Amino acid sequence: MTHLLVAMNNKKLLPVAICLFLIGCGGEEDADRSGDTVRNAVIEQPETLDGKAVASGDETAVGLASTEVEDLPPLPEVVTKEFIMDLWAKPHDGRRMIEEFEDGAIQEGVWKVTSKRGPRRGEVIDSTEATMTLKMIDRRYHVWEWREGDFLSYTVTTYDYDAAAYRWWGASASPEETSIFEQSGRHYWRNLMEWKAVNLPDPEIESTMRTTFVSEDGKTFKVIGESKRNGEVVSYSKGEFIWQSELPEEHRSGKAK
């Protein structure tokens, strides 16, 4: 994910739907039962998005090993739409990916996304389907294409060693749209991540997305997203991502458009 939280709530603000990237075990209840952000490698007090405590016997965050980064392409100081589109234009190459992406073992290829959205949990007013295509680039990037009807966007996820956090950027494919949305992510427990939107244009809005894998082969994961305005929930979304097919050859040969 990225797409998902924002796209699931407002297409003009763009998606928070991939990922991204992203991790966990269990059924639908488990997808809702997620912890709080990791700080100093300790989860302070795990809670679900509705504020209920998570039952867990281990509240210590997973320590992710850092790979040698000297030979990795550096992150740009400023991520632009052109940078994202240039990455998407490259052919898939999943060899020697950074260790920070190994735990999730997400599968490259074509994914089907079903999502439900509403003003709050339990009040679904909209259900949609989308298609996502994932490929790996330059040892450190997951790059996604998101299609939902006429809406098309692209997102990039990586691990930032300087910030000690996962980062996620996205942009609309529309030539008129040049803005970038950004998420910052923390990985705790083996299969759970939390993403938070940063630099939102409205300072009163706070958006959070939690991703949980529900299959060990990296072909199914669920996402819970929530937006708040001044502490009050204004939108809630739940999505299921299911792998459908292998990556088309055009994305392996570098002929993707």
Protein backbone atom coordinates (compact mmCIF):
# COMPACT_ATOMS: atom_id res chain seq x y z
CA MET A 1 0.00 0.00 0.00
CA THR A 2 -0.18 3.77 -0.30
CA HIS A 3 -3.74 4.78 -2.75
CA LEU A 4 -5.57 2.97 -0.14
CA LEU A 5 -6.40 5.33 2.65
CA VAL A 6 -6.63 8.46 0.57
CA ALA A 7 -7.87 6.83 -2.60
CA MET A 8 -10.38 4.88 -0.64
CA ASN A 9 -11.70 8.14 0.78
CA ASN A 10 -11.05 10.80 -1.86
CA LYS A 11 -9.67 10.10 -5.31
CA LYS A 12 -8.61 13.70 -5.83
CA LEU A 13 -6.31 13.45 -2.83
CA LEU A 14 -4.83 10.26 -4.33
CA PRO A 15 -4.22 6.80 -3.03
CA VAL A 16 -2.72 5.30 -0.06
CA ALA A 17 -3.31 1.86 -1.36
CA ILE A 18 -0.28 -0.25 -1.69
CA CYS A 19 2.45 -1.21 -0.42
CA LEU A 20 3.33 -1.35 -0.15
CA PHE A 21 3.98 -2.76 0.97
CA LEU A 22 3.28 -4.69 4.17
CA ILE A 23 2.54 -7.41 6.73
CA GLY A 24 0.50 -9.78 9.31
CA CYS A 25 -1.33 -13.07 10.14
CA GLY A 26 -4.89 -14.12 10.87
CA GLY A 27 -8.41 -13.46 9.67
CA GLU A 28 -10.52 -10.33 9.44
CA GLU A 29 -10.50 -9.78 13.17
CA ASP A 30 -6.72 -10.01 13.20
CA ALA A 31 -6.51 -7.42 10.43
CA ASP A 32 -8.36 -5.02 12.71
CA ARG A 33 -6.24 -5.81 15.74
CA SER A 34 -3.11 -3.80 15.23
CA GLY A 35 -0.64 -2.06 17.49
CA ASP A 36 0.61 1.45 17.86
CA THR A 37 3.67 3.01 16.25
CA VAL A 38 7.09 1.70 17.25
CA ARG A 39 9.34 4.10 19.10
CA ASN A 40 12.78 3.05 20.30
CA ALA A 41 11.94 -0.55 19.31
CA VAL A 42 9.12 -0.83 21.87
CA ILE A 43 5.39 -0.72 21.19
CA GLU A 44 3.98 1.66 23.76
CA GLN A 45 0.40 0.31 24.03
CA PRO A 46 -1.03 -1.64 21.10
CA GLU A 47 -4.49 -0.48 20.05
CA THR A 48 -6.83 -1.04 17.18
CA LEU A 49 -8.03 1.90 15.12
CA ASP A 50 -11.17 1.96 17.24
CA GLY A 51 -9.10 2.38 20.42
CA LYS A 52 -9.44 -1.13 21.87
CA ALA A 53 -6.33 -2.76 23.28
CA VAL A 54 -4.73 -5.65 21.45
CA ALA A 55 -4.18 -8.91 23.25
CA SER A 56 -0.58 -9.89 22.67
CA GLY A 57 2.06 -11.79 24.53
CA ASP A 58 4.92 -9.92 22.93
CA GLU A 59 4.93 -6.14 22.69
CA THR A 60 8.50 -5.85 21.48
CA ALA A 61 8.97 -4.60 17.96
CA VAL A 62 10.69 -6.80 15.44
CA GLY A 63 14.31 -5.75 14.95
CA LEU A 64 14.91 -5.52 11.21
CA ALA A 65 18.43 -6.12 10.06
CA SER A 66 19.94 -3.39 7.91
CA THR A 67 21.60 -4.51 4.74
CA GLU A 68 24.84 -2.96 3.48
CA VAL A 69 23.72 0.20 1.73
CA GLU A 70 26.86 1.49 0.09
CA ASP A 71 25.97 0.05 -3.30
CA LEU A 72 22.30 1.04 -3.22
CA PRO A 73 21.11 3.95 -5.36
CA PRO A 74 20.69 6.97 -3.07
CA LEU A 75 17.29 8.41 -2.30
CA PRO A 76 16.70 11.77 -3.98
CA GLU A 77 16.54 14.75 -1.66
CA VAL A 78 13.15 15.57 -3.15
CA VAL A 79 10.93 12.88 -4.66
CA THR A 80 9.11 14.17 -7.74
CA LYS A 81 6.45 12.78 -10.03
CA GLU A 82 9.11 12.40 -12.71
CA PHE A 83 11.22 10.27 -10.37
CA ILE A 84 8.28 7.97 -9.66
CA MET A 85 7.40 7.61 -13.34
CA ASP A 86 11.03 6.94 -14.28
CA LEU A 87 11.14 4.08 -11.77
CA TRP A 88 7.91 2.63 -13.14
CA ALA A 89 9.37 2.68 -16.66
CA LYS A 90 12.24 0.40 -15.60
CA PRO A 91 11.97 -3.41 -15.97
CA HIS A 92 11.22 -5.52 -12.91
CA ASP A 93 14.25 -6.96 -11.12
CA GLY A 94 13.62 -8.62 -7.77
CA ARG A 95 17.16 -9.87 -7.20
CA ARG A 96 19.05 -8.97 -4.01
CA MET A 97 16.27 -6.80 -2.56
CA ILE A 98 17.05 -5.06 0.71
CA GLU A 99 16.48 -7.11 3.85
CA GLU A 100 13.84 -4.68 5.09
CA PHE A 101 11.52 -5.98 2.35
CA GLU A 102 12.21 -9.66 2.92
CA ASP A 103 9.89 -10.32 5.88
CA GLY A 104 6.75 -9.39 3.97
CA ALA A 105 7.79 -11.41 0.89
CA ILE A 106 5.10 -9.67 -1.12
CA GLN A 107 4.69 -11.14 -4.59
CA GLU A 108 5.25 -9.12 -7.74
CA GLY A 109 2.45 -9.35 -10.28
CA VAL A 110 -1.14 -8.25 -10.79
CA TRP A 111 -3.41 -7.80 -7.76
CA LYS A 112 -7.15 -7.41 -7.27
CA VAL A 113 -8.28 -4.95 -4.60
CA THR A 114 -11.75 -4.86 -3.06
CA SER A 115 -12.50 -2.06 -0.63
CA LYS A 116 -15.30 -0.76 1.54
CA ARG A 117 -15.52 2.85 2.64
CA GLY A 118 -17.66 4.90 4.92
CA PRO A 119 -17.68 7.78 7.42
CA ARG A 120 -16.77 5.43 10.28
CA ARG A 121 -16.38 1.78 11.16
CA GLY A 122 -19.61 -0.16 10.65
CA GLU A 123 -21.10 2.43 8.27
CA VAL A 124 -20.09 1.30 4.78
CA ILE A 125 -21.53 3.45 2.03
CA ASP A 126 -19.28 2.54 -0.90
CA SER A 127 -17.67 -0.65 -2.26
CA THR A 128 -15.16 -0.61 -5.11
CA GLU A 129 -12.73 -2.82 -7.00
CA ALA A 130 -9.32 -1.86 -8.36
CA THR A 131 -6.31 -3.49 -10.01
CA MET A 132 -2.72 -3.02 -8.91
CA THR A 133 0.49 -4.11 -10.57
CA LEU A 134 3.69 -4.46 -8.51
CA LYS A 135 7.30 -4.71 -9.58
CA MET A 136 10.65 -4.39 -7.81
CA ILE A 137 13.30 -1.94 -8.99
CA ASP A 138 16.95 -1.14 -8.17
CA ARG A 139 17.14 -3.48 -5.13
CA ARG A 140 15.33 -1.02 -2.85
CA TYR A 141 12.01 0.00 -4.43
CA HIS A 142 8.54 -1.49 -4.67
CA VAL A 143 6.70 0.35 -7.47
CA TRP A 144 2.93 0.03 -7.93
CA GLU A 145 0.44 1.02 -10.56
CA TRP A 146 -3.12 1.51 -9.25
CA ARG A 147 -6.17 1.44 -11.58
CA GLU A 148 -9.71 2.12 -10.42
CA GLY A 149 -12.00 2.90 -13.33
CA ASP A 150 -10.56 5.97 -15.03
CA PHE A 151 -8.36 6.77 -12.04
CA LEU A 152 -4.67 5.87 -12.51
CA SER A 153 -1.77 6.55 -10.13
CA TYR A 154 1.69 5.29 -9.20
CA THR A 155 3.41 4.79 -5.86
CA VAL A 156 6.93 3.98 -4.68
CA THR A 157 7.94 2.41 -1.37
CA THR A 158 11.40 1.96 0.12
CA TYR A 159 13.32 1.93 3.38
CA ASP A 160 15.16 5.10 4.39
CA TYR A 161 18.24 4.15 6.45
CA ASP A 162 18.89 7.73 7.53
CA ALA A 163 15.37 8.15 8.88
CA ALA A 164 15.16 4.53 10.12
CA ALA A 165 11.67 4.30 8.61
CA TYR A 166 9.81 3.07 5.57
CA ARG A 167 8.73 5.79 3.15
CA TRP A 168 6.07 5.86 0.49
CA TRP A 169 5.34 8.42 -2.21
CA GLY A 170 2.59 8.55 -4.79
CA ALA A 171 1.38 10.66 -7.70
CA SER A 172 -1.57 10.75 -10.04
CA ALA A 173 -0.95 9.84 -13.68
CA SER A 174 -2.97 12.87 -14.77
CA PRO A 175 -0.76 15.50 -16.44
CA GLU A 176 -2.68 18.20 -14.57
CA GLU A 177 -1.76 16.73 -11.19
CA THR A 178 1.82 17.34 -10.03
CA SER A 179 1.45 17.03 -6.25
CA ILE A 180 3.00 14.17 -4.29
CA PHE A 181 1.50 12.42 -1.29
CA GLU A 182 3.81 10.86 1.28
CA GLN A 183 3.52 8.25 4.04
CA SER A 184 5.95 7.24 6.78
CA GLY A 185 5.85 3.63 7.96
CA ARG A 186 6.99 1.55 10.93
CA HIS A 187 7.31 -2.22 10.92
CA TYR A 188 6.62 -4.04 14.16
CA TRP A 189 5.95 -7.63 14.97
CA ARG A 190 6.84 -9.83 12.05
CA ASN A 191 3.91 -9.08 9.81
CA LEU A 192 2.35 -5.76 10.72
CA MET A 193 3.03 -2.21 9.57
CA GLU A 194 1.54 1.17 10.32
CA TRP A 195 1.65 4.07 7.89
CA LYS A 196 0.91 7.70 8.65
CA ALA A 197 0.37 10.47 6.14
CA VAL A 198 2.82 13.36 6.36
CA ASN A 199 2.70 16.91 5.00
CA LEU A 200 -1.07 16.85 4.44
CA PRO A 201 -2.41 20.14 3.04
CA ASP A 202 -4.98 20.29 5.86
CA PRO A 203 -3.19 20.35 9.26
CA GLU A 204 -6.42 19.32 11.01
CA ILE A 205 -6.47 15.96 9.20
CA GLU A 206 -4.61 12.88 10.46
CA SER A 207 -4.58 9.71 8.36
CA THR A 208 -3.39 6.27 9.47
CA MET A 209 -3.20 2.96 7.62
CA ARG A 210 -2.36 -0.46 9.06
CA THR A 211 -1.45 -3.39 6.84
CA THR A 212 -1.55 -7.07 7.78
CA PHE A 213 -0.62 -10.10 5.68
CA VAL A 214 -3.02 -13.00 6.06
CA SER A 215 -1.10 -15.53 3.97
CA GLU A 216 2.50 -16.63 4.30
CA ASP A 217 3.08 -16.73 0.54
CA GLY A 218 2.77 -12.93 0.30
CA LYS A 219 -0.32 -13.14 -1.93
CA THR A 220 -3.03 -11.81 0.40
CA PHE A 221 -3.07 -8.85 2.76
CA LYS A 222 -5.64 -6.59 4.37
CA VAL A 223 -5.56 -2.89 5.09
CA ILE A 224 -7.50 -0.78 7.58
CA GLY A 225 -7.48 2.97 7.02
CA GLU A 226 -8.84 5.83 9.08
CA SER A 227 -8.87 9.62 8.80
CA LYS A 228 -9.57 12.01 11.65
CA ARG A 229 -10.25 15.72 11.76
CA ASN A 230 -9.34 17.29 15.08
CA GLY A 231 -9.45 13.85 16.66
CA GLU A 232 -12.88 12.88 15.28
CA VAL A 233 -13.16 10.03 12.76
CA VAL A 234 -14.38 11.35 9.40
CA SER A 235 -13.64 8.35 7.15
CA TYR A 236 -12.94 4.64 7.51
CA SER A 237 -11.85 2.12 4.91
CA LYS A 238 -11.13 -1.59 4.75
CA GLY A 239 -9.47 -3.30 1.81
CA GLU A 240 -8.42 -6.80 0.80
CA PHE A 241 -5.57 -7.31 -1.67
CA ILE A 242 -5.36 -10.67 -3.47
CA TRP A 243 -2.66 -11.67 -5.94
CA GLN A 244 -4.12 -12.65 -9.31
CA SER A 245 -1.39 -13.39 -11.83
CA GLU A 246 2.28 -13.17 -12.73
CA LEU A 247 3.81 -9.90 -13.82
CA PRO A 248 3.20 -9.37 -17.57
CA GLU A 249 6.27 -9.83 -19.73
CA GLU A 250 6.20 -6.20 -20.83
CA HIS A 251 7.14 -5.20 -17.27
CA ARG A 252 10.04 -7.62 -17.22
CA SER A 253 11.45 -6.48 -20.54
CA GLY A 254 11.25 -2.77 -19.81
CA LYS A 255 8.58 -2.05 -22.43
CA ALA A 256 5.90 -0.91 -19.99
CA LYS A 257 4.26 2.44 -20.65
